[in-house]
Amino acid sequence: MKLDIPPGDFAGYIFDLDGTLVDTMPLHYRAWDEAMRRVGLNVTLDEELFYSLGGVPTLRVAELIAAHYGLVVDPHAVFEHKEALFHELQSDAKLIEPVVEIARQMSLTRPVAIASGGPRLIVRRMLELTGLGRLFRHEVVITPEDVREGKPAPDMFLLAAARMGVAPGGCLVFEDAEPGMRAAEAAGMKWVRVPSRGA
């Protein structure tokens, strides 16, 4: 994996989780496909659509997928079912080692944070299952529950910077999806694209 890391001495590092530190996107896709079929989707969920929504808060993804297919659903019910399905698949997730190694190295001398579009309980469980939890202190694991607007708004990254005690312009963000990159830019942060199926 080739990562195009911009030059500079960054004071803090912020990592997306799904598709950036952990290769979970295929698992999320399987969970979304099944959850949407339960509420009336009668075709295979479009992978391009799914990957274009990377980093968007899960509840909003339910609304956007339903709207795309003209389905009338209870997004909260779809959200809960999808997360239950994903919970069963989480143990199959594999680390994206090149990015994890950067996080490990940076955590020795700089503050590091997670800014994930996933629900807090799912994010916490993934960090525990993968052993990544010890790299990221509790107060710098940011999820949509912590902010008014999720990605592509800059709120999550700005909060992560504040909790790390680092100016936004001093942060480097690692992301695999367009909404996260747009959020990083809106926050005034440089970013690194992590290659994934959807990036």
N, C-alpha and C. Protein backbone atom coordinates (compact mmCIF):
# COMPACT_ATOMS: atom_id res chain seq x y z
N MET A 1 0.84 -1.20 0.00
CA MET A 1 0.00 0.00 0.00
C MET A 1 0.88 1.25 0.00
N LYS A 2 0.61 2.15 -0.93
CA LYS A 2 1.37 3.40 -1.01
C LYS A 2 0.55 4.53 -0.42
N LEU A 3 1.09 5.20 0.57
CA LEU A 3 0.42 6.33 1.20
C LEU A 3 1.19 7.61 0.87
N ASP A 4 0.49 8.58 0.34
CA ASP A 4 1.11 9.84 -0.04
C ASP A 4 1.00 10.80 1.14
N ILE A 5 2.01 10.78 2.00
CA ILE A 5 1.98 11.57 3.23
C ILE A 5 2.62 12.93 2.98
N PRO A 6 1.88 14.02 3.23
CA PRO A 6 2.44 15.34 2.97
C PRO A 6 3.60 15.65 3.92
N PRO A 7 4.55 16.47 3.47
CA PRO A 7 5.67 16.82 4.35
C PRO A 7 5.21 17.70 5.49
N GLY A 8 5.97 17.68 6.55
CA GLY A 8 5.63 18.54 7.69
C GLY A 8 5.72 17.79 9.00
N ASP A 9 5.86 18.55 10.07
CA ASP A 9 5.91 17.98 11.41
C ASP A 9 4.56 18.24 12.05
N PHE A 10 3.70 17.25 12.03
CA PHE A 10 2.34 17.42 12.53
C PHE A 10 2.28 17.18 14.04
N ALA A 11 1.44 17.97 14.71
CA ALA A 11 1.35 17.90 16.17
C ALA A 11 0.35 16.85 16.64
N GLY A 12 -0.57 16.44 15.78
CA GLY A 12 -1.57 15.45 16.14
C GLY A 12 -2.04 14.69 14.92
N TYR A 13 -2.48 13.45 15.14
CA TYR A 13 -2.89 12.58 14.04
C TYR A 13 -4.29 12.04 14.31
N ILE A 14 -5.15 12.13 13.31
CA ILE A 14 -6.54 11.68 13.44
C ILE A 14 -6.80 10.60 12.40
N PHE A 15 -7.38 9.49 12.85
CA PHE A 15 -7.61 8.35 11.98
C PHE A 15 -9.10 8.01 11.93
N ASP A 16 -9.62 7.86 10.73
CA ASP A 16 -10.91 7.20 10.56
C ASP A 16 -10.69 5.74 10.96
N LEU A 17 -11.74 5.00 11.20
CA LEU A 17 -11.58 3.61 11.63
C LEU A 17 -11.88 2.63 10.49
N ASP A 18 -13.12 2.60 10.04
CA ASP A 18 -13.53 1.64 9.01
C ASP A 18 -12.91 1.98 7.67
N GLY A 19 -12.18 1.03 7.11
CA GLY A 19 -11.55 1.23 5.82
C GLY A 19 -10.23 1.98 5.90
N THR A 20 -9.85 2.41 7.10
CA THR A 20 -8.62 3.17 7.28
C THR A 20 -7.65 2.42 8.20
N LEU A 21 -8.10 2.10 9.40
CA LEU A 21 -7.29 1.28 10.32
C LEU A 21 -7.68 -0.19 10.25
N VAL A 22 -8.95 -0.44 9.96
CA VAL A 22 -9.47 -1.81 9.95
C VAL A 22 -10.24 -2.03 8.66
N ASP A 23 -10.01 -3.18 8.02
CA ASP A 23 -10.65 -3.49 6.74
C ASP A 23 -12.05 -4.04 6.98
N THR A 24 -12.96 -3.14 7.36
CA THR A 24 -14.32 -3.56 7.71
C THR A 24 -15.34 -3.25 6.62
N MET A 25 -14.96 -2.48 5.61
CA MET A 25 -15.97 -2.04 4.65
C MET A 25 -16.71 -3.20 3.97
N PRO A 26 -16.02 -4.29 3.57
CA PRO A 26 -16.78 -5.41 3.00
C PRO A 26 -17.79 -6.00 3.98
N LEU A 27 -17.46 -5.96 5.27
CA LEU A 27 -18.38 -6.48 6.29
C LEU A 27 -19.58 -5.55 6.45
N HIS A 28 -19.31 -4.24 6.44
CA HIS A 28 -20.42 -3.27 6.50
C HIS A 28 -21.32 -3.44 5.28
N TYR A 29 -20.72 -3.66 4.12
CA TYR A 29 -21.52 -3.84 2.90
C TYR A 29 -22.46 -5.03 3.05
N ARG A 30 -21.94 -6.15 3.53
CA ARG A 30 -22.78 -7.34 3.72
C ARG A 30 -23.93 -7.05 4.68
N ALA A 31 -23.63 -6.32 5.76
CA ALA A 31 -24.67 -6.01 6.75
C ALA A 31 -25.73 -5.07 6.17
N TRP A 32 -25.28 -4.06 5.42
CA TRP A 32 -26.25 -3.14 4.80
C TRP A 32 -27.11 -3.86 3.77
N ASP A 33 -26.51 -4.72 2.95
CA ASP A 33 -27.26 -5.43 1.93
C ASP A 33 -28.37 -6.25 2.57
N GLU A 34 -28.04 -6.97 3.63
CA GLU A 34 -29.06 -7.81 4.28
C GLU A 34 -30.10 -6.96 4.99
N ALA A 35 -29.67 -5.91 5.67
CA ALA A 35 -30.62 -5.06 6.39
C ALA A 35 -31.61 -4.40 5.43
N MET A 36 -31.14 -3.95 4.27
CA MET A 36 -32.03 -3.30 3.32
C MET A 36 -32.96 -4.30 2.64
N ARG A 37 -32.50 -5.51 2.45
CA ARG A 37 -33.39 -6.54 1.87
C ARG A 37 -34.55 -6.83 2.81
N ARG A 38 -34.30 -6.75 4.11
CA ARG A 38 -35.36 -7.00 5.09
C ARG A 38 -36.47 -5.96 5.03
N VAL A 39 -36.14 -4.78 4.47
CA VAL A 39 -37.15 -3.71 4.42
C VAL A 39 -37.60 -3.41 2.99
N GLY A 40 -37.37 -4.38 2.08
CA GLY A 40 -37.97 -4.26 0.76
C GLY A 40 -37.04 -4.11 -0.42
N LEU A 41 -35.73 -4.01 -0.19
CA LEU A 41 -34.81 -3.95 -1.33
C LEU A 41 -34.82 -5.30 -2.04
N ASN A 42 -35.12 -5.29 -3.34
CA ASN A 42 -35.23 -6.58 -4.05
C ASN A 42 -34.13 -6.76 -5.09
N VAL A 43 -33.06 -5.96 -4.98
CA VAL A 43 -31.87 -6.12 -5.81
C VAL A 43 -30.66 -6.09 -4.89
N THR A 44 -29.52 -6.46 -5.43
CA THR A 44 -28.29 -6.37 -4.65
C THR A 44 -27.95 -4.90 -4.44
N LEU A 45 -27.60 -4.54 -3.23
CA LEU A 45 -27.24 -3.16 -2.91
C LEU A 45 -26.07 -2.73 -3.79
N ASP A 46 -26.21 -1.58 -4.42
CA ASP A 46 -25.18 -1.04 -5.31
C ASP A 46 -23.91 -0.72 -4.52
N GLU A 47 -22.80 -1.38 -4.87
CA GLU A 47 -21.55 -1.18 -4.14
C GLU A 47 -21.02 0.23 -4.31
N GLU A 48 -21.19 0.81 -5.51
CA GLU A 48 -20.70 2.18 -5.71
C GLU A 48 -21.43 3.15 -4.79
N LEU A 49 -22.74 2.98 -4.68
CA LEU A 49 -23.52 3.81 -3.76
C LEU A 49 -23.02 3.63 -2.34
N PHE A 50 -22.87 2.38 -1.92
CA PHE A 50 -22.42 2.09 -0.56
C PHE A 50 -21.07 2.76 -0.27
N TYR A 51 -20.09 2.55 -1.15
CA TYR A 51 -18.76 3.10 -0.88
C TYR A 51 -18.73 4.62 -0.97
N SER A 52 -19.64 5.22 -1.71
CA SER A 52 -19.68 6.68 -1.79
C SER A 52 -20.13 7.29 -0.47
N LEU A 53 -20.72 6.48 0.40
CA LEU A 53 -21.24 6.97 1.68
C LEU A 53 -20.28 6.68 2.84
N GLY A 54 -19.05 6.25 2.54
CA GLY A 54 -18.08 5.95 3.58
C GLY A 54 -17.87 7.14 4.50
N GLY A 55 -17.92 6.90 5.79
CA GLY A 55 -17.69 7.96 6.77
C GLY A 55 -18.93 8.72 7.19
N VAL A 56 -20.01 8.59 6.41
CA VAL A 56 -21.27 9.26 6.76
C VAL A 56 -21.88 8.53 7.96
N PRO A 57 -22.44 9.27 8.94
CA PRO A 57 -23.04 8.61 10.10
C PRO A 57 -24.07 7.55 9.69
N THR A 58 -24.06 6.44 10.40
CA THR A 58 -24.83 5.26 10.02
C THR A 58 -26.32 5.54 9.85
N LEU A 59 -26.91 6.31 10.75
CA LEU A 59 -28.34 6.61 10.63
C LEU A 59 -28.63 7.35 9.34
N ARG A 60 -27.76 8.27 8.97
CA ARG A 60 -27.94 9.03 7.72
C ARG A 60 -27.77 8.11 6.51
N VAL A 61 -26.86 7.14 6.60
CA VAL A 61 -26.69 6.18 5.50
C VAL A 61 -28.01 5.43 5.26
N ALA A 62 -28.68 5.03 6.33
CA ALA A 62 -29.96 4.33 6.19
C ALA A 62 -30.95 5.19 5.41
N GLU A 63 -31.00 6.48 5.73
CA GLU A 63 -31.91 7.39 5.05
C GLU A 63 -31.54 7.55 3.58
N LEU A 64 -30.25 7.69 3.31
CA LEU A 64 -29.80 7.93 1.93
C LEU A 64 -29.99 6.71 1.04
N ILE A 65 -29.71 5.51 1.56
CA ILE A 65 -29.92 4.30 0.77
C ILE A 65 -31.41 4.11 0.48
N ALA A 66 -32.23 4.30 1.51
CA ALA A 66 -33.67 4.15 1.31
C ALA A 66 -34.17 5.13 0.26
N ALA A 67 -33.72 6.38 0.33
CA ALA A 67 -34.15 7.39 -0.64
C ALA A 67 -33.70 7.02 -2.05
N HIS A 68 -32.49 6.51 -2.18
CA HIS A 68 -31.96 6.13 -3.50
C HIS A 68 -32.85 5.08 -4.17
N TYR A 69 -33.35 4.15 -3.37
CA TYR A 69 -34.17 3.06 -3.93
C TYR A 69 -35.67 3.31 -3.83
N GLY A 70 -36.05 4.49 -3.34
CA GLY A 70 -37.46 4.82 -3.24
C GLY A 70 -38.19 4.01 -2.19
N LEU A 71 -37.48 3.59 -1.15
CA LEU A 71 -38.09 2.80 -0.08
C LEU A 71 -38.52 3.71 1.07
N VAL A 72 -39.66 3.40 1.66
CA VAL A 72 -40.11 4.10 2.86
C VAL A 72 -39.80 3.20 4.04
N VAL A 73 -38.87 3.65 4.89
CA VAL A 73 -38.41 2.81 6.00
C VAL A 73 -38.35 3.63 7.27
N ASP A 74 -38.25 2.95 8.38
CA ASP A 74 -37.93 3.57 9.66
C ASP A 74 -36.40 3.53 9.77
N PRO A 75 -35.72 4.65 9.55
CA PRO A 75 -34.26 4.60 9.53
C PRO A 75 -33.65 4.12 10.84
N HIS A 76 -34.33 4.39 11.95
CA HIS A 76 -33.80 3.93 13.25
C HIS A 76 -33.84 2.41 13.34
N ALA A 77 -34.92 1.81 12.84
CA ALA A 77 -35.04 0.35 12.86
C ALA A 77 -34.01 -0.29 11.93
N VAL A 78 -33.83 0.30 10.74
CA VAL A 78 -32.82 -0.21 9.80
C VAL A 78 -31.44 -0.09 10.41
N PHE A 79 -31.17 1.06 11.02
CA PHE A 79 -29.89 1.32 11.68
C PHE A 79 -29.60 0.23 12.73
N GLU A 80 -30.59 -0.04 13.59
CA GLU A 80 -30.38 -1.02 14.67
C GLU A 80 -30.17 -2.42 14.11
N HIS A 81 -30.92 -2.78 13.08
CA HIS A 81 -30.77 -4.11 12.49
C HIS A 81 -29.42 -4.25 11.81
N LYS A 82 -29.02 -3.22 11.06
CA LYS A 82 -27.73 -3.26 10.38
C LYS A 82 -26.60 -3.39 11.40
N GLU A 83 -26.65 -2.63 12.49
CA GLU A 83 -25.57 -2.70 13.48
C GLU A 83 -25.55 -4.06 14.17
N ALA A 84 -26.70 -4.68 14.38
CA ALA A 84 -26.74 -6.02 14.97
C ALA A 84 -26.08 -7.03 14.02
N LEU A 85 -26.36 -6.90 12.74
CA LEU A 85 -25.73 -7.78 11.75
C LEU A 85 -24.22 -7.56 11.72
N PHE A 86 -23.80 -6.31 11.74
CA PHE A 86 -22.37 -6.02 11.70
C PHE A 86 -21.67 -6.52 12.96
N HIS A 87 -22.35 -6.40 14.09
CA HIS A 87 -21.79 -6.88 15.36
C HIS A 87 -21.38 -8.35 15.26
N GLU A 88 -22.19 -9.14 14.54
CA GLU A 88 -21.90 -10.56 14.37
C GLU A 88 -20.69 -10.80 13.48
N LEU A 89 -20.39 -9.83 12.61
CA LEU A 89 -19.30 -9.98 11.64
C LEU A 89 -17.99 -9.35 12.10
N GLN A 90 -18.03 -8.55 13.16
CA GLN A 90 -16.87 -7.74 13.55
C GLN A 90 -15.60 -8.55 13.76
N SER A 91 -15.74 -9.74 14.31
CA SER A 91 -14.54 -10.52 14.63
C SER A 91 -13.80 -10.97 13.36
N ASP A 92 -14.43 -10.83 12.18
CA ASP A 92 -13.77 -11.20 10.92
C ASP A 92 -12.89 -10.06 10.38
N ALA A 93 -12.93 -8.90 11.01
CA ALA A 93 -12.21 -7.74 10.49
C ALA A 93 -10.70 -7.92 10.64
N LYS A 94 -9.97 -7.40 9.66
CA LYS A 94 -8.50 -7.46 9.67
C LYS A 94 -7.93 -6.04 9.72
N LEU A 95 -6.80 -5.91 10.40
CA LEU A 95 -6.12 -4.62 10.48
C LEU A 95 -5.51 -4.24 9.13
N ILE A 96 -5.50 -2.96 8.84
CA ILE A 96 -4.78 -2.43 7.68
C ILE A 96 -3.41 -2.02 8.21
N GLU A 97 -2.47 -2.96 8.18
CA GLU A 97 -1.22 -2.84 8.92
C GLU A 97 -0.39 -1.59 8.60
N PRO A 98 -0.25 -1.17 7.33
CA PRO A 98 0.57 0.02 7.09
C PRO A 98 0.07 1.26 7.84
N VAL A 99 -1.25 1.41 7.93
CA VAL A 99 -1.82 2.56 8.62
C VAL A 99 -1.73 2.36 10.13
N VAL A 100 -1.99 1.15 10.59
CA VAL A 100 -1.89 0.86 12.02
C VAL A 100 -0.47 1.11 12.51
N GLU A 101 0.52 0.76 11.70
CA GLU A 101 1.92 0.98 12.11
C GLU A 101 2.22 2.46 12.25
N ILE A 102 1.66 3.29 11.37
CA ILE A 102 1.82 4.74 11.52
C ILE A 102 1.19 5.21 12.83
N ALA A 103 -0.01 4.71 13.11
CA ALA A 103 -0.68 5.10 14.36
C ALA A 103 0.15 4.68 15.58
N ARG A 104 0.71 3.46 15.53
CA ARG A 104 1.54 3.00 16.65
C ARG A 104 2.75 3.89 16.84
N GLN A 105 3.45 4.18 15.74
CA GLN A 105 4.66 5.01 15.83
C GLN A 105 4.34 6.42 16.31
N MET A 106 3.30 7.02 15.76
CA MET A 106 2.96 8.39 16.14
C MET A 106 2.50 8.48 17.58
N SER A 107 1.80 7.44 18.06
CA SER A 107 1.28 7.47 19.43
C SER A 107 2.39 7.50 20.48
N LEU A 108 3.60 7.17 20.08
CA LEU A 108 4.72 7.19 21.03
C LEU A 108 5.15 8.61 21.36
N THR A 109 4.91 9.54 20.44
CA THR A 109 5.41 10.91 20.65
C THR A 109 4.36 11.99 20.41
N ARG A 110 3.22 11.65 19.84
CA ARG A 110 2.20 12.64 19.50
C ARG A 110 0.82 12.14 19.93
N PRO A 111 -0.11 13.06 20.19
CA PRO A 111 -1.49 12.62 20.45
C PRO A 111 -2.13 12.06 19.18
N VAL A 112 -2.92 11.02 19.33
CA VAL A 112 -3.64 10.41 18.22
C VAL A 112 -5.11 10.30 18.59
N ALA A 113 -5.97 10.32 17.57
CA ALA A 113 -7.42 10.27 17.81
C ALA A 113 -8.10 9.44 16.74
N ILE A 114 -9.27 8.96 17.10
CA ILE A 114 -10.18 8.30 16.16
C ILE A 114 -11.34 9.26 15.89
N ALA A 115 -11.73 9.39 14.62
CA ALA A 115 -12.94 10.12 14.25
C ALA A 115 -13.70 9.22 13.28
N SER A 116 -14.68 8.49 13.81
CA SER A 116 -15.39 7.47 13.03
C SER A 116 -16.86 7.81 12.89
N GLY A 117 -17.42 7.50 11.72
CA GLY A 117 -18.85 7.70 11.50
C GLY A 117 -19.71 6.62 12.13
N GLY A 118 -19.09 5.60 12.72
CA GLY A 118 -19.85 4.51 13.33
C GLY A 118 -20.38 4.85 14.72
N PRO A 119 -21.37 4.10 15.19
CA PRO A 119 -21.91 4.31 16.54
C PRO A 119 -20.84 3.99 17.60
N ARG A 120 -20.88 4.71 18.71
CA ARG A 120 -19.86 4.57 19.75
C ARG A 120 -19.65 3.13 20.21
N LEU A 121 -20.74 2.39 20.47
CA LEU A 121 -20.58 1.02 20.99
C LEU A 121 -19.88 0.12 19.97
N ILE A 122 -20.20 0.29 18.70
CA ILE A 122 -19.56 -0.51 17.64
C ILE A 122 -18.09 -0.14 17.51
N VAL A 123 -17.81 1.16 17.55
CA VAL A 123 -16.42 1.63 17.45
C VAL A 123 -15.60 1.10 18.62
N ARG A 124 -16.15 1.22 19.83
CA ARG A 124 -15.45 0.74 21.03
C ARG A 124 -15.16 -0.76 20.94
N ARG A 125 -16.16 -1.52 20.49
CA ARG A 125 -15.96 -2.97 20.40
C ARG A 125 -14.88 -3.30 19.38
N MET A 126 -14.87 -2.59 18.26
CA MET A 126 -13.85 -2.84 17.25
C MET A 126 -12.46 -2.54 17.79
N LEU A 127 -12.33 -1.44 18.52
CA LEU A 127 -11.03 -1.10 19.10
C LEU A 127 -10.57 -2.17 20.07
N GLU A 128 -11.51 -2.72 20.83
CA GLU A 128 -11.16 -3.79 21.79
C GLU A 128 -10.79 -5.08 21.06
N LEU A 129 -11.59 -5.46 20.06
CA LEU A 129 -11.34 -6.71 19.34
C LEU A 129 -9.99 -6.71 18.64
N THR A 130 -9.59 -5.56 18.14
CA THR A 130 -8.36 -5.47 17.35
C THR A 130 -7.13 -5.10 18.18
N GLY A 131 -7.34 -4.77 19.44
CA GLY A 131 -6.22 -4.36 20.28
C GLY A 131 -5.80 -2.91 20.06
N LEU A 132 -6.56 -2.17 19.25
CA LEU A 132 -6.21 -0.78 18.98
C LEU A 132 -6.60 0.16 20.12
N GLY A 133 -7.45 -0.31 21.01
CA GLY A 133 -7.95 0.56 22.08
C GLY A 133 -6.85 1.19 22.92
N ARG A 134 -5.77 0.45 23.11
CA ARG A 134 -4.71 1.00 23.97
C ARG A 134 -3.99 2.18 23.33
N LEU A 135 -4.12 2.36 22.01
CA LEU A 135 -3.47 3.49 21.35
C LEU A 135 -4.28 4.77 21.49
N PHE A 136 -5.59 4.64 21.69
CA PHE A 136 -6.47 5.80 21.64
C PHE A 136 -7.18 5.98 22.98
N ARG A 137 -6.83 7.04 23.70
CA ARG A 137 -7.47 7.31 24.98
C ARG A 137 -8.96 7.60 24.75
N HIS A 138 -9.74 7.33 25.77
CA HIS A 138 -11.20 7.44 25.67
C HIS A 138 -11.66 8.80 25.13
N GLU A 139 -11.04 9.88 25.61
CA GLU A 139 -11.55 11.20 25.24
C GLU A 139 -11.22 11.61 23.82
N VAL A 140 -10.38 10.82 23.14
CA VAL A 140 -10.08 11.16 21.74
C VAL A 140 -10.56 10.07 20.79
N VAL A 141 -11.67 9.45 21.14
CA VAL A 141 -12.40 8.58 20.21
C VAL A 141 -13.73 9.29 19.95
N ILE A 142 -13.82 9.90 18.78
CA ILE A 142 -14.96 10.75 18.44
C ILE A 142 -15.90 10.00 17.50
N THR A 143 -17.20 10.02 17.83
CA THR A 143 -18.22 9.40 17.00
C THR A 143 -19.34 10.42 16.76
N PRO A 144 -20.29 10.13 15.88
CA PRO A 144 -21.34 11.10 15.60
C PRO A 144 -22.14 11.54 16.84
N GLU A 145 -22.16 10.70 17.88
CA GLU A 145 -22.88 11.07 19.10
C GLU A 145 -22.27 12.28 19.79
N ASP A 146 -21.02 12.60 19.46
CA ASP A 146 -20.31 13.69 20.13
C ASP A 146 -20.51 15.05 19.48
N VAL A 147 -21.10 15.10 18.30
CA VAL A 147 -21.15 16.35 17.54
C VAL A 147 -22.54 16.59 16.97
N ARG A 148 -22.75 17.81 16.49
CA ARG A 148 -24.03 18.16 15.88
C ARG A 148 -24.16 17.55 14.49
N GLU A 149 -23.07 17.63 13.70
CA GLU A 149 -23.10 17.11 12.33
C GLU A 149 -21.91 16.20 12.09
N GLY A 150 -22.17 15.06 11.44
CA GLY A 150 -21.10 14.14 11.09
C GLY A 150 -20.44 14.53 9.78
N LYS A 151 -19.50 13.72 9.33
CA LYS A 151 -18.84 13.96 8.06
C LYS A 151 -19.89 14.01 6.94
N PRO A 152 -19.76 14.90 5.98
CA PRO A 152 -18.59 15.70 5.60
C PRO A 152 -18.44 17.03 6.32
N ALA A 153 -19.26 17.32 7.34
CA ALA A 153 -19.03 18.51 8.16
C ALA A 153 -17.72 18.33 8.95
N PRO A 154 -17.07 19.41 9.32
CA PRO A 154 -15.77 19.30 9.99
C PRO A 154 -15.85 19.02 11.49
N ASP A 155 -17.05 18.96 12.05
CA ASP A 155 -17.23 18.94 13.50
C ASP A 155 -16.40 17.87 14.22
N MET A 156 -16.41 16.64 13.68
CA MET A 156 -15.72 15.54 14.36
C MET A 156 -14.22 15.79 14.43
N PHE A 157 -13.64 16.28 13.35
CA PHE A 157 -12.21 16.53 13.33
C PHE A 157 -11.83 17.71 14.22
N LEU A 158 -12.66 18.73 14.23
CA LEU A 158 -12.38 19.88 15.09
C LEU A 158 -12.45 19.49 16.57
N LEU A 159 -13.42 18.64 16.92
CA LEU A 159 -13.51 18.18 18.30
C LEU A 159 -12.32 17.31 18.66
N ALA A 160 -11.91 16.43 17.75
CA ALA A 160 -10.74 15.59 18.01
C ALA A 160 -9.50 16.45 18.26
N ALA A 161 -9.31 17.49 17.43
CA ALA A 161 -8.16 18.38 17.62
C ALA A 161 -8.23 19.07 18.97
N ALA A 162 -9.42 19.55 19.34
CA ALA A 162 -9.57 20.23 20.62
C ALA A 162 -9.24 19.30 21.79
N ARG A 163 -9.73 18.07 21.71
CA ARG A 163 -9.47 17.12 22.81
C ARG A 163 -8.02 16.67 22.87
N MET A 164 -7.33 16.72 21.74
CA MET A 164 -5.90 16.42 21.74
C MET A 164 -5.07 17.62 22.17
N GLY A 165 -5.68 18.81 22.20
CA GLY A 165 -4.96 20.02 22.53
C GLY A 165 -4.07 20.50 21.41
N VAL A 166 -4.52 20.26 20.16
CA VAL A 166 -3.73 20.59 18.97
C VAL A 166 -4.56 21.52 18.08
N ALA A 167 -3.92 22.54 17.51
CA ALA A 167 -4.61 23.41 16.57
C ALA A 167 -5.01 22.60 15.33
N PRO A 168 -6.19 22.87 14.76
CA PRO A 168 -6.62 22.10 13.59
C PRO A 168 -5.57 22.05 12.48
N GLY A 169 -4.91 23.16 12.20
CA GLY A 169 -3.92 23.19 11.14
C GLY A 169 -2.69 22.33 11.42
N GLY A 170 -2.55 21.89 12.66
CA GLY A 170 -1.42 21.04 13.03
C GLY A 170 -1.74 19.56 12.99
N CYS A 171 -2.94 19.22 12.51
CA CYS A 171 -3.37 17.81 12.48
C CYS A 171 -3.23 17.22 11.07
N LEU A 172 -2.93 15.94 11.03
CA LEU A 172 -2.95 15.17 9.79
C LEU A 172 -4.00 14.08 9.93
N VAL A 173 -4.89 14.00 8.93
CA VAL A 173 -6.01 13.07 8.95
C VAL A 173 -5.76 11.92 7.98
N PHE A 174 -6.07 10.70 8.40
CA PHE A 174 -6.02 9.52 7.53
C PHE A 174 -7.45 9.07 7.26
N GLU A 175 -7.83 9.02 5.99
CA GLU A 175 -9.21 8.73 5.58
C GLU A 175 -9.23 7.87 4.33
N ASP A 176 -10.29 7.08 4.17
CA ASP A 176 -10.43 6.28 2.95
C ASP A 176 -11.58 6.75 2.07
N ALA A 177 -12.43 7.64 2.57
CA ALA A 177 -13.65 7.98 1.83
C ALA A 177 -13.80 9.48 1.64
N GLU A 178 -14.45 9.83 0.55
CA GLU A 178 -14.60 11.23 0.16
C GLU A 178 -15.24 12.11 1.23
N PRO A 179 -16.32 11.68 1.90
CA PRO A 179 -16.89 12.56 2.93
C PRO A 179 -15.89 12.93 4.02
N GLY A 180 -15.03 11.99 4.39
CA GLY A 180 -14.03 12.27 5.42
C GLY A 180 -12.96 13.24 4.93
N MET A 181 -12.57 13.09 3.67
CA MET A 181 -11.57 14.01 3.12
C MET A 181 -12.13 15.42 3.03
N ARG A 182 -13.38 15.52 2.65
CA ARG A 182 -14.03 16.84 2.59
C ARG A 182 -14.14 17.44 3.99
N ALA A 183 -14.42 16.60 4.98
CA ALA A 183 -14.50 17.07 6.37
C ALA A 183 -13.15 17.58 6.85
N ALA A 184 -12.08 16.86 6.50
CA ALA A 184 -10.73 17.27 6.90
C ALA A 184 -10.40 18.62 6.27
N GLU A 185 -10.71 18.79 4.99
CA GLU A 185 -10.43 20.06 4.33
C GLU A 185 -11.22 21.19 4.96
N ALA A 186 -12.48 20.91 5.29
CA ALA A 186 -13.33 21.93 5.92
C ALA A 186 -12.79 22.32 7.30
N ALA A 187 -12.10 21.39 7.94
CA ALA A 187 -11.51 21.66 9.26
C ALA A 187 -10.14 22.34 9.16
N GLY A 188 -9.65 22.54 7.93
CA GLY A 188 -8.35 23.16 7.74
C GLY A 188 -7.19 22.21 7.98
N MET A 189 -7.43 20.91 7.78
CA MET A 189 -6.42 19.90 8.04
C MET A 189 -5.95 19.25 6.75
N LYS A 190 -4.69 18.86 6.70
CA LYS A 190 -4.19 18.06 5.59
C LYS A 190 -4.62 16.62 5.82
N TRP A 191 -4.72 15.86 4.70
CA TRP A 191 -5.21 14.49 4.82
C TRP A 191 -4.43 13.55 3.93
N VAL A 192 -4.52 12.27 4.29
CA VAL A 192 -3.89 11.20 3.53
C VAL A 192 -4.99 10.24 3.10
N ARG A 193 -5.05 9.95 1.81
CA ARG A 193 -6.04 8.99 1.30
C ARG A 193 -5.51 7.57 1.53
N VAL A 194 -6.27 6.76 2.21
CA VAL A 194 -5.94 5.35 2.39
C VAL A 194 -6.68 4.58 1.29
N PRO A 195 -5.96 3.94 0.38
CA PRO A 195 -6.64 3.26 -0.74
C PRO A 195 -7.59 2.17 -0.24
N SER A 196 -8.78 2.20 -0.77
CA SER A 196 -9.77 1.16 -0.43
C SER A 196 -10.64 0.93 -1.64
N ARG A 197 -11.55 -0.01 -1.52
CA ARG A 197 -12.46 -0.33 -2.63
C ARG A 197 -13.18 0.92 -3.14
N GLY A 198 -13.49 1.83 -2.23
CA GLY A 198 -14.29 2.97 -2.63
C GLY A 198 -13.53 4.26 -2.81
N ALA A 199 -12.18 4.21 -2.74
CA ALA A 199 -11.42 5.47 -2.78
C ALA A 199 -10.57 5.55 -4.03
